[in-house]
């Protein structure tokens, strides 16, 4: 007795199936540490402000601007990371917007009042 099969040999030869598998390199929920040393240049204008207090508003506005650059650099670093967690990125967007407003307000205060 001959074996009966449901598969036609001609159909299986024509149909080729490919399967794409994506293997994550690490735990997608795992957050990498951000390089917080980007904030270190903010300390330079603050130390200069202590040395020359007469020019305080200029050094304060400079520190606010460097804070904006540090927060923006952290945001760019976070955007380049492969992570499925968007909470930290959203927080960095908000912090960058706040730092931009703070820097703008500091320079406007310097131009208008001082």
C-alpha atoms as a PDB file:
ATOM      1  CA  UNK A   1       0.000   0.000   0.000  1.00  0.00           C
ATOM      2  CA  UNK A   2       1.301   3.382  -0.960  1.00  0.00           C
ATOM      3  CA  UNK A   3       1.618   6.233   1.586  1.00  0.00           C
ATOM      4  CA  UNK A   4      -0.740   9.092   0.973  1.00  0.00           C
ATOM      5  CA  UNK A   5       0.539  12.601   1.632  1.00  0.00           C
ATOM      6  CA  UNK A   6      -1.306  15.891   1.533  1.00  0.00           C
ATOM      7  CA  UNK A   7       1.674  17.763   0.197  1.00  0.00           C
ATOM      8  CA  UNK A   8       2.127  17.923  -3.516  1.00  0.00           C
ATOM      9  CA  UNK A   9       5.880  17.734  -4.262  1.00  0.00           C
ATOM     10  CA  UNK A  10       5.564  20.311  -7.037  1.00  0.00           C
ATOM     11  CA  UNK A  11       3.929  22.917  -4.734  1.00  0.00           C
ATOM     12  CA  UNK A  12       6.505  22.564  -1.960  1.00  0.00           C
ATOM     13  CA  UNK A  13       9.372  23.059  -4.403  1.00  0.00           C
ATOM     14  CA  UNK A  14       7.967  26.406  -5.567  1.00  0.00           C
ATOM     15  CA  UNK A  15       7.115  27.823  -2.166  1.00  0.00           C
ATOM     16  CA  UNK A  16      10.105  29.058  -0.189  1.00  0.00           C
ATOM     17  CA  UNK A  17       9.568  30.608   3.200  1.00  0.00           C
ATOM     18  CA  UNK A  18      12.012  32.914   4.895  1.00  0.00           C
ATOM     19  CA  UNK A  19      11.947  33.801   8.532  1.00  0.00           C
ATOM     20  CA  UNK A  20      13.601  36.899   9.945  1.00  0.00           C
ATOM     21  CA  UNK A  21      14.775  36.643  13.521  1.00  0.00           C
ATOM     22  CA  UNK A  22      16.018  39.654  15.432  1.00  0.00           C
ATOM     23  CA  UNK A  23      18.145  38.762  18.402  1.00  0.00           C
ATOM     24  CA  UNK A  24      18.662  41.618  20.867  1.00  0.00           C
ATOM     25  CA  UNK A  25      22.247  42.104  21.944  1.00  0.00           C
ATOM     26  CA  UNK A  26      21.246  42.963  25.492  1.00  0.00           C
ATOM     27  CA  UNK A  27      18.222  43.282  27.664  1.00  0.00           C
ATOM     28  CA  UNK A  28      16.021  45.854  25.880  1.00  0.00           C
ATOM     29  CA  UNK A  29      14.657  47.071  29.196  1.00  0.00           C
ATOM     30  CA  UNK A  30      18.116  47.589  30.635  1.00  0.00           C
ATOM     31  CA  UNK A  31      19.136  51.225  30.776  1.00  0.00           C
ATOM     32  CA  UNK A  32      22.729  52.175  30.192  1.00  0.00           C
ATOM     33  CA  UNK A  33      24.305  54.877  32.289  1.00  0.00           C
ATOM     34  CA  UNK A  34      24.409  58.298  30.697  1.00  0.00           C
ATOM     35  CA  UNK A  35      27.741  60.153  30.688  1.00  0.00           C
ATOM     36  CA  UNK A  36      26.976  62.768  33.313  1.00  0.00           C
ATOM     37  CA  UNK A  37      30.476  64.219  32.953  1.00  0.00           C
ATOM     38  CA  UNK A  38      28.923  66.343  30.164  1.00  0.00           C
ATOM     39  CA  UNK A  39      27.786  68.615  33.010  1.00  0.00           C
ATOM     40  CA  UNK A  40      31.319  69.242  34.312  1.00  0.00           C
ATOM     41  CA  UNK A  41      31.963  72.351  32.121  1.00  0.00           C
ATOM     42  CA  UNK A  42      29.112  74.069  33.996  1.00  0.00           C
ATOM     43  CA  UNK A  43      31.402  74.331  37.019  1.00  0.00           C
ATOM     44  CA  UNK A  44      34.013  76.438  35.203  1.00  0.00           C
ATOM     45  CA  UNK A  45      31.934  79.675  34.967  1.00  0.00           C
ATOM     46  CA  UNK A  46      30.771  79.183  38.551  1.00  0.00           C
ATOM     47  CA  UNK A  47      34.366  79.042  39.797  1.00  0.00           C
ATOM     48  CA  UNK A  48      35.281  82.094  37.702  1.00  0.00           C
ATOM     49  CA  UNK A  49      32.236  83.862  39.170  1.00  0.00           C
ATOM     50  CA  UNK A  50      33.695  83.230  42.646  1.00  0.00           C
ATOM     51  CA  UNK A  51      36.985  84.772  41.535  1.00  0.00           C
ATOM     52  CA  UNK A  52      35.361  87.809  39.862  1.00  0.00           C
ATOM     53  CA  UNK A  53      32.040  88.513  41.608  1.00  0.00           C
ATOM     54  CA  UNK A  54      31.620  91.871  39.855  1.00  0.00           C
ATOM     55  CA  UNK A  55      30.877  90.045  36.603  1.00  0.00           C
ATOM     56  CA  UNK A  56      28.452  87.604  38.196  1.00  0.00           C
ATOM     57  CA  UNK A  57      25.549  87.868  35.711  1.00  0.00           C
ATOM     58  CA  UNK A  58      27.826  87.104  32.761  1.00  0.00           C
ATOM     59  CA  UNK A  59      29.213  83.973  34.398  1.00  0.00           C
ATOM     60  CA  UNK A  60      25.735  82.926  35.541  1.00  0.00           C
ATOM     61  CA  UNK A  61      24.426  83.181  31.973  1.00  0.00           C
ATOM     62  CA  UNK A  62      27.477  81.285  30.731  1.00  0.00           C
ATOM     63  CA  UNK A  63      26.830  78.486  33.226  1.00  0.00           C
ATOM     64  CA  UNK A  64      23.180  78.354  32.109  1.00  0.00           C
ATOM     65  CA  UNK A  65      24.289  78.073  28.479  1.00  0.00           C
ATOM     66  CA  UNK A  66      26.737  75.269  29.283  1.00  0.00           C
ATOM     67  CA  UNK A  67      23.960  73.526  31.206  1.00  0.00           C
ATOM     68  CA  UNK A  68      21.857  73.670  28.031  1.00  0.00           C
ATOM     69  CA  UNK A  69      24.699  72.180  25.972  1.00  0.00           C
ATOM     70  CA  UNK A  70      25.264  69.404  28.521  1.00  0.00           C
ATOM     71  CA  UNK A  71      21.574  68.485  28.637  1.00  0.00           C
ATOM     72  CA  UNK A  72      21.372  68.568  24.841  1.00  0.00           C
ATOM     73  CA  UNK A  73      24.430  66.278  24.607  1.00  0.00           C
ATOM     74  CA  UNK A  74      22.806  63.837  27.042  1.00  0.00           C
ATOM     75  CA  UNK A  75      19.649  63.889  24.927  1.00  0.00           C
ATOM     76  CA  UNK A  76      21.643  63.148  21.761  1.00  0.00           C
ATOM     77  CA  UNK A  77      23.407  60.288  23.552  1.00  0.00           C
ATOM     78  CA  UNK A  78      20.088  58.867  24.709  1.00  0.00           C
ATOM     79  CA  UNK A  79      18.681  59.084  21.170  1.00  0.00           C
ATOM     80  CA  UNK A  80      21.621  57.041  19.850  1.00  0.00           C
ATOM     81  CA  UNK A  81      21.106  54.212  22.362  1.00  0.00           C
ATOM     82  CA  UNK A  82      19.133  51.140  21.325  1.00  0.00           C
ATOM     83  CA  UNK A  83      16.479  51.011  23.988  1.00  0.00           C
ATOM     84  CA  UNK A  84      12.758  50.423  24.052  1.00  0.00           C
ATOM     85  CA  UNK A  85      12.282  52.679  27.071  1.00  0.00           C
ATOM     86  CA  UNK A  86      11.196  56.183  26.064  1.00  0.00           C
ATOM     87  CA  UNK A  87      10.577  57.564  29.557  1.00  0.00           C
ATOM     88  CA  UNK A  88      14.133  58.773  30.050  1.00  0.00           C
ATOM     89  CA  UNK A  89      14.213  60.309  26.568  1.00  0.00           C
ATOM     90  CA  UNK A  90      11.001  62.219  27.264  1.00  0.00           C
ATOM     91  CA  UNK A  91      12.417  63.480  30.560  1.00  0.00           C
ATOM     92  CA  UNK A  92      15.567  64.637  28.782  1.00  0.00           C
ATOM     93  CA  UNK A  93      13.465  66.475  26.180  1.00  0.00           C
ATOM     94  CA  UNK A  94      11.680  68.329  28.987  1.00  0.00           C
ATOM     95  CA  UNK A  95      14.968  69.071  30.787  1.00  0.00           C
ATOM     96  CA  UNK A  96      16.512  70.354  27.547  1.00  0.00           C
ATOM     97  CA  UNK A  97      13.543  72.646  26.961  1.00  0.00           C
ATOM     98  CA  UNK A  98      13.768  73.938  30.545  1.00  0.00           C
ATOM     99  CA  UNK A  99      17.537  74.466  30.233  1.00  0.00           C
ATOM    100  CA  UNK A 100      16.988  76.367  26.964  1.00  0.00           C
ATOM    101  CA  UNK A 101      14.427  78.623  28.650  1.00  0.00           C
ATOM    102  CA  UNK A 102      16.738  79.135  31.613  1.00  0.00           C
ATOM    103  CA  UNK A 103      19.679  80.076  29.356  1.00  0.00           C
ATOM    104  CA  UNK A 104      17.518  82.413  27.275  1.00  0.00           C
ATOM    105  CA  UNK A 105      16.103  84.079  30.374  1.00  0.00           C
ATOM    106  CA  UNK A 106      19.587  84.500  31.834  1.00  0.00           C
ATOM    107  CA  UNK A 107      20.908  86.217  28.705  1.00  0.00           C
ATOM    108  CA  UNK A 108      17.784  88.389  28.381  1.00  0.00           C
ATOM    109  CA  UNK A 109      18.187  89.456  32.007  1.00  0.00           C
ATOM    110  CA  UNK A 110      21.788  90.320  31.268  1.00  0.00           C
ATOM    111  CA  UNK A 111      20.845  92.380  28.204  1.00  0.00           C
ATOM    112  CA  UNK A 112      17.828  94.167  29.688  1.00  0.00           C
ATOM    113  CA  UNK A 113      18.684  94.775  33.350  1.00  0.00           C
ATOM    114  CA  UNK A 114      22.434  94.698  33.668  1.00  0.00           C
END
